[in-house]
Amino acid sequence: MSHVGRFFAGDDDQDGANRQTASLAGMAVALLLVVVGLFLIRKLHEKSMIEDCLMSGRTNCDKVLAQAR
């Protein structure tokens, strides 16, 4: 019976390595989504400021955007 345990010990190591690889891949995807989300938030905020400026009837909206940066 002890031979069976030794035979499958390599499979446990491989399963552990596969789980670690999958966890790292999941973390990388989550980090990528956070970075993309922050980029989108920043760009949408800039567009919103320009749109608000134009809707208020101003003509120098490029200065408003330059002050926000």
Protein backbone atom coordinates (compact mmCIF):
# COMPACT_ATOMS: atom_id res chain seq x y z
CA MET A 1 0.00 0.00 0.00
CA SER A 2 2.84 2.42 0.71
CA HIS A 3 3.99 2.10 -2.91
CA VAL A 4 0.72 3.55 -4.16
CA GLY A 5 1.22 6.70 -2.06
CA ARG A 6 4.71 7.20 -3.40
CA PHE A 7 3.57 6.72 -6.97
CA PHE A 8 0.99 9.51 -6.79
CA ALA A 9 3.15 11.96 -4.84
CA GLY A 10 4.39 13.53 -8.10
CA ASP A 11 0.82 14.21 -9.17
CA ASP A 12 0.20 16.22 -5.98
CA ASP A 13 3.23 18.40 -6.72
CA GLN A 14 2.01 18.98 -10.26
CA ASP A 15 -1.50 19.84 -9.03
CA GLY A 16 -0.01 22.35 -6.59
CA ALA A 17 2.06 23.93 -9.35
CA ASN A 18 -1.01 24.12 -11.60
CA ARG A 19 -3.04 25.81 -8.86
CA GLN A 20 -0.25 28.32 -8.27
CA THR A 21 -0.01 29.10 -11.98
CA ALA A 22 -3.78 29.55 -12.22
CA SER A 23 -3.76 31.81 -9.16
CA LEU A 24 -1.01 33.99 -10.61
CA ALA A 25 -2.83 34.22 -13.92
CA GLY A 26 -6.01 35.25 -12.13
CA MET A 27 -4.15 37.89 -10.17
CA ALA A 28 -2.58 39.24 -13.36
CA VAL A 29 -5.99 39.50 -15.02
CA ALA A 30 -7.43 41.27 -11.97
CA LEU A 31 -4.53 43.73 -11.93
CA LEU A 32 -4.98 44.39 -15.64
CA LEU A 33 -8.68 45.11 -15.10
CA VAL A 34 -7.85 47.56 -12.30
CA VAL A 35 -5.33 49.42 -14.47
CA VAL A 36 -7.74 49.60 -17.42
CA GLY A 37 -10.53 50.75 -15.10
CA LEU A 38 -8.40 53.55 -13.66
CA PHE A 39 -7.42 54.66 -17.16
CA LEU A 40 -11.07 54.74 -18.24
CA ILE A 41 -12.11 56.67 -15.14
CA ARG A 42 -9.49 59.32 -15.81
CA LYS A 43 -10.39 59.71 -19.48
CA LEU A 44 -14.13 59.82 -18.80
CA HIS A 45 -13.58 62.45 -16.11
CA GLU A 46 -11.66 64.64 -18.57
CA LYS A 47 -14.39 64.26 -21.19
CA SER A 48 -17.03 65.09 -18.61
CA MET A 49 -15.22 68.27 -17.60
CA ILE A 50 -14.98 69.40 -21.23
CA GLU A 51 -18.63 68.59 -21.83
CA ASP A 52 -19.72 70.50 -18.72
CA CYS A 53 -17.65 73.48 -19.81
CA LEU A 54 -19.14 73.48 -23.30
CA MET A 55 -22.68 73.05 -21.96
CA SER A 56 -22.23 76.14 -19.79
CA GLY A 57 -21.50 78.20 -22.91
CA ARG A 58 -17.81 78.86 -22.37
CA THR A 59 -15.38 79.07 -25.28
CA ASN A 60 -12.08 78.54 -23.47
CA CYS A 61 -12.60 74.95 -22.27
CA ASP A 62 -9.03 73.93 -23.03
CA LYS A 63 -7.90 76.02 -20.05
CA VAL A 64 -10.35 74.21 -17.78
CA LEU A 65 -8.89 70.88 -18.81
CA ALA A 66 -5.30 72.14 -18.40
CA GLN A 67 -6.06 73.28 -14.82
CA ALA A 68 -7.46 69.85 -13.92
CA ARG A 69 -4.25 68.07 -14.88
